[in-house]
Amino acid sequence: MHAVNGKQLLVEEHGDGEAVIMVHGLGGDSNAWGPQANMLSRHFRVIRPDLEGSGLSPCTGELSIDGFVDDLLALADSLGVERAHWVGHSMGTIVCQHIAARHPERTASLALMGPILEPPEAARKGIRDRAAAARDNGMIPIADALYQGSLAADTRAHQPAVAAFVRELVMRQAPEGYARTCEALAAAQAADLGAIGCPTLLVTGDEDGVAPPTAARDMAKRIAGAHLEILHRCGHWTPLERANEVNHALLNLYFHNHA
């Protein structure tokens, strides 16, 4: 565990070289990046924290996107990382966008998997309702709903181990930490995409209902020089559902931009 801003964060670290900091989404933790960490750690110093309230990082109070940003920058400072390649999934992409927009000197590149600018107004109430459901009924009903609703049909049919792992990730979250993370996401505000000037990759699935291709295309148009990839037969858990394609896209981003 690492002491950061008066709290304890679980952090996994492997490899040497330029730092890659991987930020999971709602319902995930450091394990959500397993396929990417195994590959990238051959070339880079891969750092995977559990955000406060997720995985094995306990929740100490109310959570917010700004709080996650502050914690990650403080973690980077504590690890001697001045500049990193930031990789985010889902809610983690919002966190990474704010880091890249506000702190360009800390950002070597940006990779956004299942990218979200901010929750649509219609979705914010549903996210808050999910927080209440976690507190009232625990995580199993939420894990079952996400198993059905956030994975591609092809993943459930032909990658049962991946589908089961996603369900397990969500089911093992502490209900209160998950609920407070829901509340942080429901209150999230968009970063200034025009302020992002680093090499940027966006990846989404053609069956991603949270980060649909139309929304990802709009985001890519607003970030100078951004590259968008849309993966077929893929839902919202991009790094797990299409691990090889995501790994290939990350290597292209890093080595083609002389990381």
Protein backbone atom coordinates (compact mmCIF):
# COMPACT_ATOMS: atom_id res chain seq x y z
CA MET A 1 0.00 0.00 0.00
CA HIS A 2 1.13 3.56 -0.71
CA ALA A 3 0.32 6.52 1.52
CA VAL A 4 -1.09 9.26 -0.71
CA ASN A 5 -2.83 12.43 0.48
CA GLY A 6 -3.57 10.87 3.86
CA LYS A 7 -5.07 7.68 2.43
CA GLN A 8 -3.81 4.22 1.53
CA LEU A 9 -3.82 3.16 -2.13
CA LEU A 10 -2.96 -0.26 -3.44
CA VAL A 11 -0.48 0.12 -6.29
CA GLU A 12 0.95 -2.56 -8.56
CA GLU A 13 4.21 -1.74 -10.33
CA HIS A 14 6.18 -3.78 -12.85
CA GLY A 15 8.92 -3.11 -15.39
CA ASP A 16 11.41 -0.35 -16.09
CA GLY A 17 11.54 2.60 -18.46
CA GLU A 18 9.14 5.44 -19.12
CA ALA A 19 6.14 5.39 -16.79
CA VAL A 20 2.72 4.21 -17.93
CA ILE A 21 -0.01 4.92 -15.36
CA MET A 22 -3.21 2.94 -15.92
CA VAL A 23 -6.47 4.22 -14.43
CA HIS A 24 -9.41 1.82 -14.16
CA GLY A 25 -13.08 2.69 -14.39
CA LEU A 26 -16.14 2.29 -12.19
CA GLY A 27 -16.37 -1.30 -10.98
CA GLY A 28 -12.79 -2.06 -11.96
CA ASP A 29 -9.44 -2.10 -10.24
CA SER A 30 -5.80 -2.66 -11.15
CA ASN A 31 -6.60 -6.19 -12.35
CA ALA A 32 -8.66 -4.80 -15.23
CA TRP A 33 -5.36 -3.97 -16.96
CA GLY A 34 -3.77 -7.42 -16.65
CA PRO A 35 -3.35 -8.14 -20.38
CA GLN A 36 -1.89 -4.70 -21.06
CA ALA A 37 0.39 -4.67 -18.01
CA ASN A 38 1.91 -8.02 -18.90
CA MET A 39 2.81 -6.77 -22.36
CA LEU A 40 3.81 -3.19 -21.57
CA SER A 41 6.02 -4.09 -18.61
CA ARG A 42 8.54 -5.55 -21.07
CA HIS A 43 9.22 -2.01 -22.31
CA PHE A 44 7.86 0.40 -19.69
CA ARG A 45 7.43 0.99 -15.98
CA VAL A 46 3.77 0.09 -15.58
CA ILE A 47 1.94 1.55 -12.56
CA ARG A 48 -1.60 0.36 -11.78
CA PRO A 49 -3.33 1.88 -8.75
CA ASP A 50 -6.67 1.01 -7.25
CA LEU A 51 -8.43 4.36 -6.96
CA GLU A 52 -9.75 5.24 -3.51
CA GLY A 53 -12.88 3.21 -2.85
CA SER A 54 -12.10 0.59 -5.50
CA GLY A 55 -10.41 -2.78 -5.25
CA LEU A 56 -8.20 -2.92 -2.18
CA SER A 57 -7.95 0.85 -1.64
CA PRO A 58 -10.26 1.76 1.25
CA CYS A 59 -12.68 4.65 1.06
CA THR A 60 -12.01 7.45 3.55
CA GLY A 61 -14.65 10.00 2.56
CA GLU A 62 -16.56 11.46 -0.34
CA LEU A 63 -15.02 10.82 -3.75
CA SER A 64 -14.68 13.06 -6.79
CA ILE A 65 -12.96 13.20 -10.15
CA ASP A 66 -10.81 16.08 -8.91
CA GLY A 67 -9.85 13.99 -5.89
CA PHE A 68 -8.77 11.13 -8.14
CA VAL A 69 -6.70 13.57 -10.21
CA ASP A 70 -4.99 14.93 -7.10
CA ASP A 71 -4.32 11.43 -5.76
CA LEU A 72 -2.78 10.22 -9.01
CA LEU A 73 -0.50 13.22 -9.35
CA ALA A 74 0.57 12.83 -5.71
CA LEU A 75 1.18 9.13 -6.33
CA ALA A 76 3.31 9.97 -9.36
CA ASP A 77 5.29 12.43 -7.24
CA SER A 78 5.84 9.83 -4.53
CA LEU A 79 7.15 7.38 -7.14
CA GLY A 80 9.47 9.93 -8.72
CA VAL A 81 7.45 10.13 -11.94
CA GLU A 82 7.51 13.61 -13.46
CA ARG A 83 5.87 12.67 -16.76
CA ALA A 84 3.81 9.64 -17.71
CA HIS A 85 1.82 7.97 -20.43
CA TRP A 86 -1.72 7.99 -19.02
CA VAL A 87 -4.12 5.18 -19.91
CA GLY A 88 -7.73 5.22 -18.77
CA HIS A 89 -10.81 3.05 -19.08
CA SER A 90 -14.37 4.39 -18.82
CA MET A 91 -14.53 6.70 -15.77
CA GLY A 92 -10.74 6.54 -15.73
CA THR A 93 -10.71 8.28 -19.11
CA ILE A 94 -12.39 11.32 -17.53
CA VAL A 95 -9.67 11.41 -14.87
CA CYS A 96 -6.92 11.12 -17.49
CA GLN A 97 -8.46 13.81 -19.70
CA HIS A 98 -8.38 16.26 -16.80
CA ILE A 99 -4.75 15.41 -16.08
CA ALA A 100 -3.75 15.90 -19.72
CA ALA A 101 -5.71 19.16 -20.07
CA ARG A 102 -4.56 20.73 -16.81
CA HIS A 103 -1.04 19.33 -16.58
CA PRO A 104 0.45 18.98 -20.07
CA GLU A 105 3.94 18.94 -18.56
CA ARG A 106 3.02 15.70 -16.74
CA THR A 107 1.55 14.01 -19.84
CA ALA A 108 3.61 12.19 -22.47
CA SER A 109 0.57 10.65 -24.16
CA LEU A 110 -3.07 9.80 -23.55
CA ALA A 111 -4.89 6.53 -24.29
CA LEU A 112 -8.63 6.41 -23.65
CA MET A 113 -10.45 3.05 -23.69
CA GLY A 114 -14.24 3.26 -23.77
CA PRO A 115 -13.86 7.05 -23.55
CA ILE A 116 -16.38 9.23 -21.75
CA LEU A 117 -16.34 13.04 -21.85
CA GLU A 118 -18.90 13.27 -19.05
CA PRO A 119 -22.11 11.37 -18.30
CA PRO A 120 -25.08 12.61 -20.34
CA GLU A 121 -27.64 14.36 -18.16
CA ALA A 122 -30.08 11.50 -18.67
CA ALA A 123 -27.50 9.03 -17.31
CA ARG A 124 -26.57 10.92 -14.14
CA LYS A 125 -29.73 9.94 -12.26
CA GLY A 126 -29.28 6.31 -13.28
CA ILE A 127 -25.73 6.33 -11.90
CA ARG A 128 -26.95 7.81 -8.60
CA ASP A 129 -29.69 5.18 -8.51
CA ARG A 130 -27.01 2.53 -8.92
CA ALA A 131 -25.21 3.96 -5.88
CA ALA A 132 -28.39 3.51 -3.85
CA ALA A 133 -28.81 -0.02 -5.20
CA ALA A 134 -25.27 -0.94 -4.14
CA ARG A 135 -25.96 0.26 -0.61
CA ASP A 136 -29.35 -1.44 -0.42
CA ASN A 137 -28.75 -4.73 -2.20
CA GLY A 138 -24.98 -5.25 -2.50
CA MET A 139 -22.95 -5.91 -5.61
CA ILE A 140 -24.26 -9.19 -7.00
CA PRO A 141 -27.33 -7.72 -8.78
CA ILE A 142 -25.17 -4.95 -10.24
CA ALA A 143 -22.54 -7.44 -11.40
CA ASP A 144 -25.23 -9.54 -13.07
CA ALA A 145 -26.72 -6.50 -14.81
CA LEU A 146 -23.33 -5.34 -16.11
CA TYR A 147 -22.52 -8.86 -17.28
CA GLN A 148 -25.59 -8.71 -19.50
CA GLY A 149 -25.48 -5.04 -20.43
CA SER A 150 -21.87 -3.93 -20.80
CA LEU A 151 -20.24 -6.88 -22.57
CA ALA A 152 -20.66 -7.70 -26.25
CA ALA A 153 -22.77 -10.75 -27.06
CA ASP A 154 -19.71 -12.24 -28.76
CA THR A 155 -17.69 -11.88 -25.56
CA ARG A 156 -20.30 -13.66 -23.48
CA ALA A 157 -20.62 -16.44 -26.06
CA HIS A 158 -17.00 -17.01 -27.05
CA GLN A 159 -14.89 -15.61 -24.19
CA PRO A 160 -16.66 -16.97 -21.11
CA ALA A 161 -13.56 -16.57 -18.93
CA VAL A 162 -13.35 -12.87 -19.79
CA ALA A 163 -17.06 -12.38 -19.14
CA ALA A 164 -16.82 -14.20 -15.81
CA PHE A 165 -13.78 -12.13 -14.84
CA VAL A 166 -15.65 -8.87 -15.49
CA ARG A 167 -18.52 -10.08 -13.33
CA GLU A 168 -16.04 -11.05 -10.60
CA LEU A 169 -14.32 -7.63 -10.74
CA VAL A 170 -17.61 -5.85 -10.16
CA MET A 171 -19.01 -8.32 -7.62
CA ARG A 172 -15.93 -8.02 -5.38
CA GLN A 173 -16.15 -4.24 -5.01
CA ALA A 174 -17.07 -2.93 -1.56
CA PRO A 175 -20.65 -1.64 -1.86
CA GLU A 176 -19.99 1.68 -0.11
CA GLY A 177 -16.83 2.37 -2.10
CA TYR A 178 -18.65 1.51 -5.31
CA ALA A 179 -21.58 3.74 -4.33
CA ARG A 180 -19.31 6.71 -3.62
CA THR A 181 -17.50 6.12 -6.92
CA CYS A 182 -20.89 6.17 -8.67
CA GLU A 183 -21.58 9.52 -7.03
CA ALA A 184 -18.21 10.85 -8.20
CA LEU A 185 -18.98 9.76 -11.76
CA ALA A 186 -22.51 11.20 -11.64
CA ALA A 187 -21.03 14.60 -10.72
CA ALA A 188 -18.21 14.49 -13.29
CA GLN A 189 -17.66 17.49 -15.54
CA ALA A 190 -15.98 17.50 -18.93
CA ALA A 191 -12.33 18.37 -19.34
CA ASP A 192 -11.23 20.99 -21.86
CA LEU A 193 -10.43 18.77 -24.83
CA GLY A 194 -8.98 21.72 -26.72
CA ALA A 195 -6.24 21.99 -24.10
CA ILE A 196 -5.00 18.45 -24.80
CA GLY A 197 -1.96 18.60 -27.06
CA CYS A 198 -0.21 15.27 -26.51
CA PRO A 199 -0.44 12.20 -28.78
CA THR A 200 -3.88 10.76 -28.06
CA LEU A 201 -5.51 7.42 -28.83
CA LEU A 202 -9.19 6.62 -28.37
CA VAL A 203 -10.47 3.05 -28.58
CA THR A 204 -14.08 1.95 -28.29
CA GLY A 205 -16.21 -1.03 -29.23
CA ASP A 206 -18.90 -1.08 -31.87
CA GLU A 207 -21.28 -2.50 -29.23
CA ASP A 208 -20.24 -0.12 -26.45
CA GLY A 209 -23.42 1.50 -25.15
CA VAL A 210 -21.57 3.61 -22.58
CA ALA A 211 -18.99 5.05 -25.00
CA PRO A 212 -20.67 4.58 -28.40
CA PRO A 213 -18.66 5.16 -31.57
CA THR A 214 -20.60 8.34 -32.39
CA ALA A 215 -19.57 9.93 -29.09
CA ALA A 216 -15.97 8.72 -29.43
CA ARG A 217 -15.76 10.20 -32.93
CA ASP A 218 -16.95 13.54 -31.59
CA MET A 219 -14.32 13.47 -28.86
CA ALA A 220 -11.57 12.55 -31.32
CA LYS A 221 -12.47 15.50 -33.55
CA ARG A 222 -12.05 17.86 -30.60
CA ILE A 223 -8.55 16.64 -29.63
CA ALA A 224 -5.83 17.82 -31.99
CA GLY A 225 -4.28 14.92 -33.89
CA ALA A 226 -6.21 12.24 -31.99
CA HIS A 227 -6.50 8.76 -33.48
CA LEU A 228 -9.67 6.68 -33.03
CA GLU A 229 -10.00 2.91 -33.35
CA ILE A 230 -13.36 1.11 -33.26
CA LEU A 231 -13.17 -2.59 -32.41
CA HIS A 232 -15.71 -5.03 -33.79
CA ARG A 233 -17.83 -7.31 -31.60
CA CYS A 234 -16.65 -5.39 -28.54
CA GLY A 235 -18.60 -3.88 -25.65
CA HIS A 236 -17.49 -1.46 -22.94
CA TRP A 237 -14.74 -3.57 -21.33
CA THR A 238 -12.37 -2.88 -24.21
CA PRO A 239 -9.03 -3.83 -22.57
CA LEU A 240 -10.37 -7.26 -21.61
CA GLU A 241 -12.75 -8.05 -24.45
CA ARG A 242 -10.22 -7.23 -27.17
CA ALA A 243 -6.92 -7.40 -25.30
CA ASN A 244 -4.69 -8.15 -28.28
CA GLU A 245 -6.11 -5.32 -30.38
CA VAL A 246 -5.75 -2.88 -27.48
CA ASN A 247 -2.17 -3.98 -26.89
CA HIS A 248 -1.35 -3.48 -30.56
CA ALA A 249 -2.93 -0.01 -30.54
CA LEU A 250 -0.94 1.01 -27.45
CA LEU A 251 2.35 -0.16 -28.93
CA ASN A 252 1.60 1.80 -32.09
CA LEU A 253 0.87 4.90 -30.02
CA TYR A 254 4.05 4.66 -27.99
CA PHE A 255 6.59 3.56 -30.56
CA HIS A 256 5.24 5.48 -33.55
CA ASN A 257 5.38 8.63 -31.44
CA HIS A 258 8.91 7.78 -30.26
CA ALA A 259 7.82 7.37 -26.64
